[in-house]
């Protein structure tokens, strides 16, 4: 009985210690990514929402991910597993840039 209680308590502690993934939002408005920089934990997602009149993309500078065309009101999300700095841009408007800082490493 003690062993079962100990195992249950240990499992509960491990479950409670693991934070659940979060979703952050980047709005595309006035030909800008807002906010222009976001810091997330590995395993978190970032949603890009086009609040602008024009079509836009959110595209990693290294080509590892791409929202493709987002029309007004459309949303696209991506989950980040690897730590590091990720820069991105809009392929339609190359002057638009953003940065994501991913902390930790999803195992």
C-alpha atoms as a PDB file:
ATOM      1  CA  UNK A   1       0.000   0.000   0.000  1.00  0.00           C
ATOM      2  CA  UNK A   2       2.821   2.419   0.860  1.00  0.00           C
ATOM      3  CA  UNK A   3       4.565   1.653  -2.420  1.00  0.00           C
ATOM      4  CA  UNK A   4       1.387   2.397  -4.377  1.00  0.00           C
ATOM      5  CA  UNK A   5       0.919   5.702  -2.535  1.00  0.00           C
ATOM      6  CA  UNK A   6       4.562   6.650  -3.096  1.00  0.00           C
ATOM      7  CA  UNK A   7       4.302   5.847  -6.815  1.00  0.00           C
ATOM      8  CA  UNK A   8       1.061   7.818  -7.122  1.00  0.00           C
ATOM      9  CA  UNK A   9       2.606  10.808  -5.326  1.00  0.00           C
ATOM     10  CA  UNK A  10       5.726  10.664  -7.510  1.00  0.00           C
ATOM     11  CA  UNK A  11       3.630  10.509 -10.687  1.00  0.00           C
ATOM     12  CA  UNK A  12       1.510  13.432  -9.518  1.00  0.00           C
ATOM     13  CA  UNK A  13       4.645  15.470  -8.754  1.00  0.00           C
ATOM     14  CA  UNK A  14       6.086  14.775 -12.209  1.00  0.00           C
ATOM     15  CA  UNK A  15       2.817  15.695 -13.893  1.00  0.00           C
ATOM     16  CA  UNK A  16       2.515  18.911 -11.907  1.00  0.00           C
ATOM     17  CA  UNK A  17       6.127  19.877 -12.675  1.00  0.00           C
ATOM     18  CA  UNK A  18       5.673  19.702 -16.450  1.00  0.00           C
ATOM     19  CA  UNK A  19       4.228  23.031 -17.627  1.00  0.00           C
ATOM     20  CA  UNK A  20       1.652  22.789 -20.356  1.00  0.00           C
ATOM     21  CA  UNK A  21       2.497  24.401 -23.686  1.00  0.00           C
ATOM     22  CA  UNK A  22       1.275  27.948 -24.286  1.00  0.00           C
ATOM     23  CA  UNK A  23       0.193  29.727 -27.434  1.00  0.00           C
ATOM     24  CA  UNK A  24       1.438  33.243 -28.118  1.00  0.00           C
ATOM     25  CA  UNK A  25      -0.105  35.578 -30.678  1.00  0.00           C
ATOM     26  CA  UNK A  26       1.619  37.822 -33.200  1.00  0.00           C
ATOM     27  CA  UNK A  27      -0.723  40.189 -35.024  1.00  0.00           C
ATOM     28  CA  UNK A  28       0.045  41.383 -38.520  1.00  0.00           C
ATOM     29  CA  UNK A  29      -1.165  44.957 -38.631  1.00  0.00           C
ATOM     30  CA  UNK A  30      -0.118  48.113 -40.505  1.00  0.00           C
ATOM     31  CA  UNK A  31       2.533  46.137 -42.430  1.00  0.00           C
ATOM     32  CA  UNK A  32       4.267  45.100 -39.179  1.00  0.00           C
ATOM     33  CA  UNK A  33       4.498  42.054 -36.934  1.00  0.00           C
ATOM     34  CA  UNK A  34       3.170  43.097 -33.524  1.00  0.00           C
ATOM     35  CA  UNK A  35       4.927  42.496 -31.242  1.00  0.00           C
ATOM     36  CA  UNK A  36       8.081  42.405 -33.369  1.00  0.00           C
ATOM     37  CA  UNK A  37       9.862  40.099 -30.902  1.00  0.00           C
ATOM     38  CA  UNK A  38       8.454  37.257 -28.799  1.00  0.00           C
ATOM     39  CA  UNK A  39      10.173  34.934 -26.315  1.00  0.00           C
ATOM     40  CA  UNK A  40       8.632  31.469 -25.905  1.00  0.00           C
ATOM     41  CA  UNK A  41       9.560  28.137 -24.343  1.00  0.00           C
ATOM     42  CA  UNK A  42      10.338  25.113 -26.496  1.00  0.00           C
ATOM     43  CA  UNK A  43       7.062  23.300 -27.122  1.00  0.00           C
ATOM     44  CA  UNK A  44       5.038  26.528 -27.212  1.00  0.00           C
ATOM     45  CA  UNK A  45       3.140  27.653 -30.292  1.00  0.00           C
ATOM     46  CA  UNK A  46       2.940  31.040 -31.959  1.00  0.00           C
ATOM     47  CA  UNK A  47      -0.200  32.036 -33.852  1.00  0.00           C
ATOM     48  CA  UNK A  48       0.074  34.642 -36.570  1.00  0.00           C
ATOM     49  CA  UNK A  49      -3.165  36.531 -37.246  1.00  0.00           C
ATOM     50  CA  UNK A  50      -3.525  38.834 -40.234  1.00  0.00           C
ATOM     51  CA  UNK A  51      -5.406  41.932 -39.052  1.00  0.00           C
ATOM     52  CA  UNK A  52      -4.314  43.894 -42.127  1.00  0.00           C
ATOM     53  CA  UNK A  53      -6.056  44.689 -45.419  1.00  0.00           C
ATOM     54  CA  UNK A  54      -3.252  43.090 -47.452  1.00  0.00           C
ATOM     55  CA  UNK A  55      -2.229  39.455 -47.717  1.00  0.00           C
ATOM     56  CA  UNK A  56       0.903  38.568 -45.717  1.00  0.00           C
ATOM     57  CA  UNK A  57       3.056  35.598 -44.786  1.00  0.00           C
ATOM     58  CA  UNK A  58       5.113  34.653 -41.756  1.00  0.00           C
ATOM     59  CA  UNK A  59       8.138  32.877 -43.209  1.00  0.00           C
ATOM     60  CA  UNK A  60      11.301  31.739 -41.413  1.00  0.00           C
ATOM     61  CA  UNK A  61      14.397  33.359 -42.897  1.00  0.00           C
ATOM     62  CA  UNK A  62      15.999  29.891 -43.089  1.00  0.00           C
ATOM     63  CA  UNK A  63      12.921  28.464 -44.879  1.00  0.00           C
ATOM     64  CA  UNK A  64      12.115  25.956 -42.112  1.00  0.00           C
ATOM     65  CA  UNK A  65       8.463  27.081 -41.873  1.00  0.00           C
ATOM     66  CA  UNK A  66       6.058  29.212 -43.880  1.00  0.00           C
ATOM     67  CA  UNK A  67       2.476  30.245 -43.285  1.00  0.00           C
ATOM     68  CA  UNK A  68       1.941  30.762 -47.002  1.00  0.00           C
ATOM     69  CA  UNK A  69      -0.545  33.508 -47.868  1.00  0.00           C
ATOM     70  CA  UNK A  70      -2.737  34.767 -45.048  1.00  0.00           C
ATOM     71  CA  UNK A  71      -5.650  36.925 -46.094  1.00  0.00           C
ATOM     72  CA  UNK A  72      -7.354  39.360 -43.764  1.00  0.00           C
ATOM     73  CA  UNK A  73      -8.691  37.551 -40.687  1.00  0.00           C
ATOM     74  CA  UNK A  74      -6.797  34.314 -41.329  1.00  0.00           C
ATOM     75  CA  UNK A  75      -4.662  32.658 -38.657  1.00  0.00           C
ATOM     76  CA  UNK A  76      -1.758  30.191 -38.820  1.00  0.00           C
ATOM     77  CA  UNK A  77       0.136  28.549 -35.944  1.00  0.00           C
ATOM     78  CA  UNK A  78       3.490  26.850 -35.575  1.00  0.00           C
ATOM     79  CA  UNK A  79       4.964  24.975 -32.596  1.00  0.00           C
ATOM     80  CA  UNK A  80       8.653  25.513 -31.846  1.00  0.00           C
ATOM     81  CA  UNK A  81      10.625  22.556 -30.474  1.00  0.00           C
ATOM     82  CA  UNK A  82      14.256  23.702 -30.821  1.00  0.00           C
ATOM     83  CA  UNK A  83      15.840  26.476 -28.814  1.00  0.00           C
ATOM     84  CA  UNK A  84      17.456  29.456 -30.474  1.00  0.00           C
ATOM     85  CA  UNK A  85      16.764  32.738 -32.194  1.00  0.00           C
ATOM     86  CA  UNK A  86      14.429  32.518 -35.178  1.00  0.00           C
ATOM     87  CA  UNK A  87      14.111  35.447 -37.546  1.00  0.00           C
ATOM     88  CA  UNK A  88      11.227  35.673 -39.990  1.00  0.00           C
ATOM     89  CA  UNK A  89       9.741  37.963 -42.619  1.00  0.00           C
ATOM     90  CA  UNK A  90       6.784  38.468 -44.940  1.00  0.00           C
ATOM     91  CA  UNK A  91       7.519  37.239 -48.463  1.00  0.00           C
ATOM     92  CA  UNK A  92       4.953  39.679 -49.896  1.00  0.00           C
ATOM     93  CA  UNK A  93       6.488  42.644 -48.035  1.00  0.00           C
ATOM     94  CA  UNK A  94      10.207  41.868 -47.463  1.00  0.00           C
ATOM     95  CA  UNK A  95      10.645  44.957 -45.274  1.00  0.00           C
ATOM     96  CA  UNK A  96       8.513  43.272 -42.586  1.00  0.00           C
ATOM     97  CA  UNK A  97      10.664  41.380 -40.050  1.00  0.00           C
ATOM     98  CA  UNK A  98      10.145  39.650 -36.709  1.00  0.00           C
ATOM     99  CA  UNK A  99      12.130  37.653 -34.188  1.00  0.00           C
ATOM    100  CA  UNK A 100      11.278  34.696 -31.976  1.00  0.00           C
ATOM    101  CA  UNK A 101      13.513  33.562 -29.134  1.00  0.00           C
ATOM    102  CA  UNK A 102      12.852  29.931 -28.201  1.00  0.00           C
ATOM    103  CA  UNK A 103      14.195  28.942 -24.778  1.00  0.00           C
ATOM    104  CA  UNK A 104      14.908  25.400 -23.661  1.00  0.00           C
ATOM    105  CA  UNK A 105      14.684  22.271 -25.754  1.00  0.00           C
ATOM    106  CA  UNK A 106      11.628  20.051 -26.150  1.00  0.00           C
ATOM    107  CA  UNK A 107      12.697  16.449 -25.549  1.00  0.00           C
END
